[in-house]
Amino acid sequence: MARSVDHQRRRMEVLAAARRVIVRDGIEAATTRNIAREAGCSSGALTHYFAGKDDILSSLLRHSHEHVRRRRRERTAGVRGLAALRELLLDSLPLDAERTRETRMEIDFWSRGLTAEHLADVQRREHAKLRAAIRRRLAEAHEAGEITLPRTPPPEVLAEIAAKGTPRAADRPAVPEGEDPPAEEPGKEDGPPRPQDLDAVAERLLALVDGLSVHLLLYPDRLSRAEAERLVLAELAALAR
């Protein structure tokens, strides 16, 4: 038992060393040699705990995701709907030192995942979990009457807009006298949420958080943490009744 505990402890020490290397020097610097030096051991010693560098990197990415999920569960414990969605989205932004380190490492792994399928697979699974969590919180908020989801326009309307731009009022067919005009497809409507509307809003919120995270790291002089938080809250306010 003691040997098993020590083995796991050493694995965690190696992963912590790999994380420090990536956050400090970038993922390209995360060689077996550099990780071993950071961990205070020989490169050969790493083989007792990992199959190789790919195993170290994929294990580190999974461990980071598990840590983030635990923190999000703690932040959303006892809350539902819009309150839980707000906590979930704000926790995904690099608004403090810990989350900044996490985001720097995650973005480094994005580039590596473009050519390393095993890392891309880890990222896709985590993205799917976050998307599902956002979608679930949106559904809760809608059910509680806290938000109204925008109606996603049908494909033919989107195709028309892509081809000609938003139709002008003069281009719309005249409404016969005595008849009500047809309901606008875009906009907000009551009733149970449609799956496509939940999907569209979840994707938009994910894109917003990812984009703001990148901008916070690349353009800190232009975008402050307070402004990034305000933009997320403004997006949620737009959904609120």
Protein backbone atom coordinates (compact mmCIF):
# COMPACT_ATOMS: atom_id res chain seq x y z
CA MET A 1 0.00 0.00 0.00
CA ALA A 2 2.79 2.42 0.96
CA ARG A 3 4.56 1.65 -2.32
CA SER A 4 1.39 2.41 -4.28
CA VAL A 5 0.92 5.71 -2.45
CA ASP A 6 4.53 6.68 -3.11
CA HIS A 7 4.16 5.80 -6.80
CA GLN A 8 1.11 8.05 -7.09
CA ARG A 9 2.87 10.83 -5.20
CA ARG A 10 5.82 10.71 -7.58
CA ARG A 11 3.47 10.77 -10.57
CA MET A 12 1.86 13.93 -9.20
CA GLU A 13 5.28 15.49 -8.66
CA VAL A 14 6.24 14.79 -12.28
CA LEU A 15 2.95 16.26 -13.53
CA ALA A 16 3.49 19.36 -11.38
CA ALA A 17 6.97 19.73 -12.85
CA ALA A 18 5.62 19.39 -16.39
CA ARG A 19 3.00 22.01 -15.66
CA ARG A 20 5.62 24.47 -14.38
CA VAL A 21 7.73 23.97 -17.50
CA ILE A 22 4.75 24.55 -19.83
CA VAL A 23 3.43 27.61 -18.00
CA ARG A 24 6.89 29.16 -17.74
CA ASP A 25 8.50 28.18 -21.05
CA GLY A 26 5.72 26.88 -23.33
CA ILE A 27 4.72 23.41 -24.40
CA GLU A 28 7.59 23.08 -26.88
CA ALA A 29 9.97 23.20 -23.92
CA ALA A 30 8.20 20.26 -22.26
CA THR A 31 10.78 17.67 -23.26
CA THR A 32 11.45 14.59 -21.18
CA ARG A 33 14.82 16.03 -20.24
CA ASN A 34 13.42 19.40 -19.10
CA ILE A 35 10.58 17.79 -17.17
CA ALA A 36 13.00 15.44 -15.41
CA ARG A 37 15.30 18.34 -14.52
CA GLU A 38 12.36 20.32 -13.13
CA ALA A 39 11.23 17.27 -11.13
CA GLY A 40 14.73 16.73 -9.76
CA CYS A 41 15.27 13.29 -11.26
CA SER A 42 16.85 11.63 -14.28
CA SER A 43 15.05 11.14 -17.58
CA GLY A 44 15.26 7.40 -17.06
CA ALA A 45 13.48 7.67 -13.73
CA LEU A 46 10.39 9.05 -15.48
CA THR A 47 9.85 5.69 -17.18
CA HIS A 48 8.93 4.22 -13.80
CA TYR A 49 5.85 6.44 -13.74
CA PHE A 50 4.97 7.22 -17.38
CA ALA A 51 5.33 5.50 -20.74
CA GLY A 52 6.90 8.60 -22.26
CA LYS A 53 6.39 12.29 -22.95
CA ASP A 54 3.02 11.76 -24.67
CA ASP A 55 1.78 9.91 -21.59
CA ILE A 56 2.99 12.73 -19.34
CA LEU A 57 1.27 15.41 -21.42
CA SER A 58 -2.05 13.61 -21.78
CA SER A 59 -2.03 12.72 -18.07
CA LEU A 60 -1.30 16.34 -17.18
CA LEU A 61 -4.14 17.60 -19.37
CA ARG A 62 -6.63 15.14 -17.86
CA HIS A 63 -5.47 15.98 -14.33
CA SER A 64 -5.88 19.70 -15.00
CA HIS A 65 -9.40 19.15 -16.34
CA GLU A 66 -10.35 17.06 -13.30
CA HIS A 67 -9.09 19.80 -10.98
CA VAL A 68 -11.12 22.45 -12.82
CA ARG A 69 -14.27 20.31 -12.75
CA ARG A 70 -13.93 19.81 -8.98
CA ARG A 71 -13.62 23.56 -8.44
CA ARG A 72 -16.65 24.25 -10.63
CA ARG A 73 -18.71 21.70 -8.73
CA GLU A 74 -17.80 23.49 -5.50
CA ARG A 75 -18.69 26.90 -6.95
CA THR A 76 -22.06 25.72 -8.23
CA ALA A 77 -23.00 23.58 -5.22
CA GLY A 78 -26.50 24.46 -4.04
CA VAL A 79 -27.33 26.76 -6.98
CA ARG A 80 -29.12 26.16 -10.26
CA GLY A 81 -30.13 27.95 -13.40
CA LEU A 82 -28.80 31.43 -14.08
CA ALA A 83 -26.76 31.64 -10.87
CA ALA A 84 -25.01 28.35 -11.65
CA LEU A 85 -24.47 29.40 -15.27
CA ARG A 86 -22.86 32.66 -14.14
CA GLU A 87 -20.46 30.81 -11.83
CA LEU A 88 -19.64 28.28 -14.54
CA LEU A 89 -18.80 30.91 -17.16
CA LEU A 90 -16.84 33.21 -14.87
CA ASP A 91 -14.81 30.29 -13.54
CA SER A 92 -13.79 29.58 -17.14
CA LEU A 93 -12.11 32.99 -17.48
CA PRO A 94 -8.51 33.70 -16.35
CA LEU A 95 -9.56 36.17 -13.66
CA ASP A 96 -6.94 35.23 -11.06
CA ALA A 97 -3.43 33.78 -10.94
CA GLU A 98 -4.54 30.14 -10.72
CA ARG A 99 -6.94 30.34 -13.64
CA THR A 100 -4.43 32.34 -15.66
CA ARG A 101 -1.92 29.51 -15.31
CA GLU A 102 -4.61 26.99 -16.28
CA THR A 103 -5.61 29.02 -19.32
CA ARG A 104 -2.04 29.53 -20.50
CA MET A 105 -1.45 25.80 -20.33
CA GLU A 106 -4.77 24.95 -22.00
CA ILE A 107 -4.08 27.30 -24.92
CA ASP A 108 -0.62 25.77 -25.30
CA PHE A 109 -2.31 22.38 -25.54
CA TRP A 110 -4.68 23.72 -28.22
CA SER A 111 -1.79 24.21 -30.61
CA ARG A 112 -0.31 20.83 -29.75
CA GLY A 113 -3.69 19.15 -30.21
CA LEU A 114 -3.78 20.25 -33.86
CA THR A 115 -1.11 17.67 -34.65
CA ALA A 116 -1.44 15.22 -31.72
CA GLU A 117 -4.70 13.31 -31.95
CA HIS A 118 -4.41 11.81 -28.46
CA LEU A 119 -4.32 15.31 -26.97
CA ALA A 120 -7.08 16.58 -29.24
CA ASP A 121 -9.26 13.70 -28.08
CA VAL A 122 -8.78 14.69 -24.42
CA GLN A 123 -9.68 18.28 -25.27
CA ARG A 124 -12.78 17.30 -27.25
CA ARG A 125 -14.11 15.19 -24.40
CA GLU A 126 -13.59 18.02 -21.92
CA HIS A 127 -15.18 20.55 -24.28
CA ALA A 128 -18.21 18.26 -24.63
CA LYS A 129 -18.56 18.07 -20.84
CA LEU A 130 -18.40 21.85 -20.44
CA ARG A 131 -20.85 22.38 -23.29
CA ALA A 132 -23.27 19.89 -21.73
CA ALA A 133 -22.99 21.65 -18.35
CA ILE A 134 -23.70 25.05 -19.93
CA ARG A 135 -26.62 23.62 -21.89
CA ARG A 136 -28.06 22.03 -18.73
CA ARG A 137 -27.83 25.30 -16.80
CA LEU A 138 -29.48 27.16 -19.68
CA ALA A 139 -32.37 24.70 -19.62
CA GLU A 140 -32.71 25.12 -15.84
CA ALA A 141 -32.72 28.91 -16.16
CA HIS A 142 -35.34 28.77 -18.91
CA GLU A 143 -37.54 26.40 -16.91
CA ALA A 144 -37.30 28.73 -13.89
CA GLY A 145 -38.37 31.69 -16.02
CA GLU A 146 -35.02 33.45 -15.56
CA ILE A 147 -34.15 33.68 -19.25
CA THR A 148 -35.75 33.49 -22.68
CA LEU A 149 -33.73 31.81 -25.39
CA PRO A 150 -33.39 33.54 -28.77
CA ARG A 151 -35.09 31.59 -31.54
CA THR A 152 -32.60 30.26 -34.06
CA PRO A 153 -33.66 31.32 -37.58
CA PRO A 154 -34.45 28.45 -39.99
CA PRO A 155 -31.79 27.52 -42.58
CA GLU A 156 -33.59 29.27 -45.44
CA VAL A 157 -33.60 32.59 -43.57
CA LEU A 158 -29.90 32.25 -42.75
CA ALA A 159 -29.19 31.40 -46.39
CA GLU A 160 -31.04 34.52 -47.53
CA ILE A 161 -29.14 36.71 -45.09
CA ALA A 162 -25.84 35.17 -46.21
CA ALA A 163 -26.71 35.85 -49.84
CA LYS A 164 -28.30 39.29 -49.65
CA GLY A 165 -28.07 40.59 -46.11
CA THR A 166 -31.03 41.20 -43.82
CA PRO A 167 -34.14 41.69 -45.97
CA ARG A 168 -35.42 45.25 -46.02
CA ALA A 169 -39.00 45.93 -44.98
CA ALA A 170 -39.78 46.98 -48.57
CA ASP A 171 -38.62 43.58 -49.83
CA ARG A 172 -40.95 41.61 -47.58
CA PRO A 173 -44.21 40.37 -49.05
CA ALA A 174 -47.25 42.51 -48.32
CA VAL A 175 -49.72 41.22 -45.73
CA PRO A 176 -53.29 40.93 -47.07
CA GLU A 177 -55.78 43.28 -45.44
CA GLY A 178 -57.40 41.77 -42.37
CA GLU A 179 -54.63 39.23 -41.76
CA ASP A 180 -52.00 39.32 -39.04
CA PRO A 181 -48.37 39.53 -40.16
CA PRO A 182 -46.43 36.28 -39.79
CA ALA A 183 -44.43 35.89 -36.62
CA GLU A 184 -40.78 36.76 -36.98
CA GLU A 185 -38.62 33.63 -36.83
CA PRO A 186 -35.73 35.36 -35.05
CA GLY A 187 -36.41 36.78 -31.62
CA LYS A 188 -37.56 35.39 -28.31
CA GLU A 189 -40.54 33.18 -27.66
CA ASP A 190 -42.01 31.42 -24.67
CA GLY A 191 -42.60 27.70 -24.40
CA PRO A 192 -40.26 24.77 -23.89
CA PRO A 193 -36.72 25.38 -25.14
CA ARG A 194 -35.97 23.94 -28.54
CA PRO A 195 -32.80 21.79 -28.71
CA GLN A 196 -31.37 23.92 -31.52
CA ASP A 197 -31.84 27.08 -29.46
CA LEU A 198 -30.08 25.55 -26.44
CA ASP A 199 -27.27 24.38 -28.72
CA ALA A 200 -26.87 27.78 -30.36
CA VAL A 201 -26.72 29.74 -27.11
CA ALA A 202 -24.37 27.22 -25.49
CA GLU A 203 -21.99 27.48 -28.45
CA ARG A 204 -22.14 31.28 -28.36
CA LEU A 205 -21.31 31.37 -24.66
CA LEU A 206 -18.44 28.92 -25.14
CA ALA A 207 -17.06 31.01 -28.00
CA LEU A 208 -17.36 34.16 -25.89
CA VAL A 209 -15.46 32.64 -22.97
CA ASP A 210 -12.75 31.15 -25.19
CA GLY A 211 -12.31 34.42 -27.10
CA LEU A 212 -12.15 36.55 -23.98
CA SER A 213 -9.67 34.14 -22.40
CA VAL A 214 -7.32 34.45 -25.36
CA HIS A 215 -7.68 38.25 -25.44
CA LEU A 216 -7.00 38.56 -21.72
CA LEU A 217 -3.68 36.77 -22.18
CA LEU A 218 -2.65 38.41 -25.47
CA TYR A 219 -3.99 41.94 -24.98
CA PRO A 220 -3.98 42.68 -21.23
CA ASP A 221 -3.45 46.40 -21.89
CA ARG A 222 -6.64 46.56 -23.94
CA LEU A 223 -8.93 44.17 -22.04
CA SER A 224 -9.01 44.09 -18.26
CA ARG A 225 -10.31 41.26 -16.11
CA ALA A 226 -13.13 43.50 -14.91
CA GLU A 227 -14.15 44.29 -18.48
CA ALA A 228 -14.10 40.62 -19.48
CA GLU A 229 -16.32 39.78 -16.52
CA ARG A 230 -18.66 42.64 -17.46
CA LEU A 231 -18.99 41.33 -21.02
CA VAL A 232 -20.00 37.87 -19.79
CA LEU A 233 -22.53 39.34 -17.37
CA ALA A 234 -23.92 41.56 -20.14
CA GLU A 235 -24.44 38.50 -22.33
CA LEU A 236 -26.36 36.80 -19.53
CA ALA A 237 -28.38 39.95 -18.90
CA ALA A 238 -29.41 39.93 -22.57
CA LEU A 239 -30.91 36.48 -22.04
CA ALA A 240 -32.75 37.47 -18.87
CA ARG A 241 -36.40 38.45 -18.99
